[in-house]
Amino acid sequence: MTTTKTKTELWPPIHELHYDSGKTGWQVACQLDGERIRETFATKGEAKTRGRADSAASRE
């Protein structure tokens, strides 16, 4: 889902994480079948791929 004014994807929310070690990670946070899911990934591309799969599954 995107807004009409921007091309920013709103669902699922993908957040950038900053660890104490200095590394950066990406988190997909969503709810699927009443269960809250939070998964972390090394790259934003991996997080987007997983987020699309979760979004498609929730529409079924």
N, C-alpha and C. Protein backbone atom coordinates (compact mmCIF):
# COMPACT_ATOMS: atom_id res chain seq x y z
N MET A 1 0.84 -1.16 0.00
CA MET A 1 0.00 0.00 0.00
C MET A 1 0.89 1.24 0.00
N THR A 2 0.52 2.22 -0.81
CA THR A 2 1.23 3.49 -0.85
C THR A 2 0.25 4.62 -0.65
N THR A 3 0.77 5.78 -0.30
CA THR A 3 -0.09 6.96 -0.18
C THR A 3 -0.29 7.55 -1.56
N THR A 4 -1.30 8.38 -1.72
CA THR A 4 -1.57 8.99 -3.02
C THR A 4 -0.58 10.12 -3.32
N LYS A 5 -0.03 10.74 -2.31
CA LYS A 5 0.89 11.85 -2.53
C LYS A 5 2.34 11.41 -2.70
N THR A 6 2.68 10.26 -2.16
CA THR A 6 4.06 9.78 -2.25
C THR A 6 4.07 8.33 -2.70
N LYS A 7 5.23 7.85 -3.00
CA LYS A 7 5.39 6.45 -3.37
C LYS A 7 5.93 5.64 -2.20
N THR A 8 5.84 6.16 -0.99
CA THR A 8 6.31 5.49 0.20
C THR A 8 5.38 4.33 0.55
N GLU A 9 5.96 3.17 0.73
CA GLU A 9 5.16 2.02 1.13
C GLU A 9 4.85 2.11 2.62
N LEU A 10 3.58 1.91 2.96
CA LEU A 10 3.17 2.02 4.35
C LEU A 10 3.05 0.67 5.05
N TRP A 11 2.77 -0.38 4.28
CA TRP A 11 2.56 -1.68 4.88
C TRP A 11 3.37 -2.72 4.16
N PRO A 12 4.04 -3.59 4.83
CA PRO A 12 4.25 -3.62 6.27
C PRO A 12 5.31 -2.62 6.67
N PRO A 13 5.28 -2.17 7.91
CA PRO A 13 6.31 -1.23 8.36
C PRO A 13 7.68 -1.90 8.40
N ILE A 14 8.66 -1.26 7.79
CA ILE A 14 10.04 -1.75 7.79
C ILE A 14 10.89 -0.68 8.47
N HIS A 15 11.53 -1.06 9.57
CA HIS A 15 12.28 -0.11 10.39
C HIS A 15 13.78 -0.41 10.32
N GLU A 16 14.55 0.65 10.31
CA GLU A 16 16.01 0.51 10.36
C GLU A 16 16.42 0.40 11.84
N LEU A 17 17.27 -0.57 12.13
CA LEU A 17 17.76 -0.79 13.49
C LEU A 17 19.24 -0.45 13.55
N HIS A 18 19.67 0.18 14.63
CA HIS A 18 21.10 0.49 14.85
C HIS A 18 21.54 -0.24 16.12
N TYR A 19 22.48 -1.14 15.95
CA TYR A 19 22.97 -1.93 17.08
C TYR A 19 24.17 -1.25 17.74
N ASP A 20 24.43 -1.60 18.99
CA ASP A 20 25.56 -1.03 19.74
C ASP A 20 26.89 -1.33 19.06
N SER A 21 26.96 -2.43 18.32
CA SER A 21 28.19 -2.80 17.63
C SER A 21 28.47 -1.91 16.43
N GLY A 22 27.48 -1.07 16.07
CA GLY A 22 27.65 -0.19 14.92
C GLY A 22 27.00 -0.74 13.65
N LYS A 23 26.55 -1.98 13.71
CA LYS A 23 25.91 -2.58 12.55
C LYS A 23 24.48 -2.07 12.42
N THR A 24 23.97 -2.17 11.19
CA THR A 24 22.60 -1.77 10.90
C THR A 24 21.81 -2.99 10.46
N GLY A 25 20.59 -3.08 10.91
CA GLY A 25 19.70 -4.17 10.50
C GLY A 25 18.35 -3.59 10.13
N TRP A 26 17.50 -4.43 9.58
CA TRP A 26 16.16 -4.01 9.16
C TRP A 26 15.14 -4.95 9.77
N GLN A 27 14.04 -4.39 10.28
CA GLN A 27 13.02 -5.19 10.94
C GLN A 27 11.67 -5.02 10.24
N VAL A 28 11.02 -6.16 10.00
CA VAL A 28 9.66 -6.17 9.47
C VAL A 28 8.75 -6.50 10.65
N ALA A 29 7.81 -5.62 10.92
CA ALA A 29 6.89 -5.83 12.04
C ALA A 29 5.47 -5.83 11.49
N CYS A 30 4.77 -6.93 11.67
CA CYS A 30 3.39 -7.01 11.19
C CYS A 30 2.61 -8.01 12.03
N GLN A 31 1.34 -8.13 11.72
CA GLN A 31 0.49 -9.07 12.43
C GLN A 31 -0.12 -10.00 11.39
N LEU A 32 0.02 -11.30 11.62
CA LEU A 32 -0.46 -12.30 10.69
C LEU A 32 -1.26 -13.34 11.47
N ASP A 33 -2.52 -13.51 11.13
CA ASP A 33 -3.40 -14.45 11.82
C ASP A 33 -3.45 -14.20 13.33
N GLY A 34 -3.47 -12.91 13.70
CA GLY A 34 -3.57 -12.55 15.11
C GLY A 34 -2.27 -12.69 15.89
N GLU A 35 -1.20 -13.01 15.23
CA GLU A 35 0.10 -13.18 15.89
C GLU A 35 1.05 -12.10 15.42
N ARG A 36 1.67 -11.38 16.37
CA ARG A 36 2.61 -10.33 16.03
C ARG A 36 3.94 -10.96 15.61
N ILE A 37 4.42 -10.54 14.46
CA ILE A 37 5.66 -11.08 13.91
C ILE A 37 6.67 -9.94 13.78
N ARG A 38 7.86 -10.15 14.30
CA ARG A 38 8.96 -9.20 14.14
C ARG A 38 10.19 -9.99 13.73
N GLU A 39 10.63 -9.76 12.52
CA GLU A 39 11.81 -10.46 12.02
C GLU A 39 12.85 -9.43 11.60
N THR A 40 14.12 -9.76 11.81
CA THR A 40 15.20 -8.85 11.44
C THR A 40 16.01 -9.44 10.29
N PHE A 41 16.53 -8.54 9.46
CA PHE A 41 17.30 -8.94 8.28
C PHE A 41 18.52 -8.04 8.15
N ALA A 42 19.53 -8.53 7.46
CA ALA A 42 20.77 -7.79 7.29
C ALA A 42 20.62 -6.66 6.27
N THR A 43 19.79 -6.85 5.26
CA THR A 43 19.64 -5.83 4.23
C THR A 43 18.18 -5.40 4.09
N LYS A 44 17.98 -4.20 3.58
CA LYS A 44 16.63 -3.69 3.38
C LYS A 44 15.91 -4.50 2.29
N GLY A 45 16.65 -4.95 1.30
CA GLY A 45 16.06 -5.76 0.23
C GLY A 45 15.45 -7.05 0.75
N GLU A 46 16.17 -7.72 1.66
CA GLU A 46 15.63 -8.94 2.27
C GLU A 46 14.35 -8.64 3.06
N ALA A 47 14.36 -7.53 3.79
CA ALA A 47 13.19 -7.16 4.58
C ALA A 47 12.00 -6.85 3.68
N LYS A 48 12.23 -6.16 2.58
CA LYS A 48 11.14 -5.84 1.65
C LYS A 48 10.57 -7.11 1.03
N THR A 49 11.44 -8.05 0.67
CA THR A 49 10.98 -9.31 0.08
C THR A 49 10.10 -10.06 1.07
N ARG A 50 10.52 -10.14 2.31
CA ARG A 50 9.74 -10.83 3.34
C ARG A 50 8.45 -10.07 3.62
N GLY A 51 8.53 -8.75 3.65
CA GLY A 51 7.35 -7.94 3.90
C GLY A 51 6.28 -8.13 2.84
N ARG A 52 6.70 -8.26 1.59
CA ARG A 52 5.74 -8.49 0.51
C ARG A 52 5.07 -9.84 0.67
N ALA A 53 5.82 -10.84 1.09
CA ALA A 53 5.26 -12.18 1.29
C ALA A 53 4.23 -12.16 2.42
N ASP A 54 4.53 -11.46 3.51
CA ASP A 54 3.60 -11.36 4.63
C ASP A 54 2.35 -10.60 4.22
N SER A 55 2.53 -9.55 3.47
CA SER A 55 1.39 -8.74 3.04
C SER A 55 0.47 -9.55 2.14
N ALA A 56 1.02 -10.34 1.23
CA ALA A 56 0.22 -11.17 0.35
C ALA A 56 -0.50 -12.27 1.13
N ALA A 57 0.16 -12.84 2.10
CA ALA A 57 -0.44 -13.91 2.90
C ALA A 57 -1.61 -13.39 3.74
N SER A 58 -1.50 -12.15 4.21
CA SER A 58 -2.57 -11.62 5.06
C SER A 58 -3.83 -11.31 4.25
N ARG A 59 -3.69 -11.15 2.92
CA ARG A 59 -4.84 -10.87 2.08
C ARG A 59 -5.59 -12.13 1.68
N GLU A 60 -5.03 -13.30 1.89
CA GLU A 60 -5.67 -14.55 1.49
C GLU A 60 -6.80 -14.93 2.42
